[in-house]
């Protein structure tokens, strides 16, 4: 799973332009994680979507959760 608990530190393209971090910005955190792990963003997105589905008991479909 990917999340952030940093309410006052928005990720880099939003840092300085907004006063608070928001859940919608978590994709920027995921992009950085994919780069650090040296894997494609799509691979990280699929893995974290699968983790979400397994953890919360959702059945993963072809269109996502």
Foldseek 3Di string as FASTA:
>chain_A
DFDDPFFQAADPVCGPVDRTHDRVRSLVVLVVVCVVVVHDSVVSVVVVLVVVCVVVVHDADPVGD
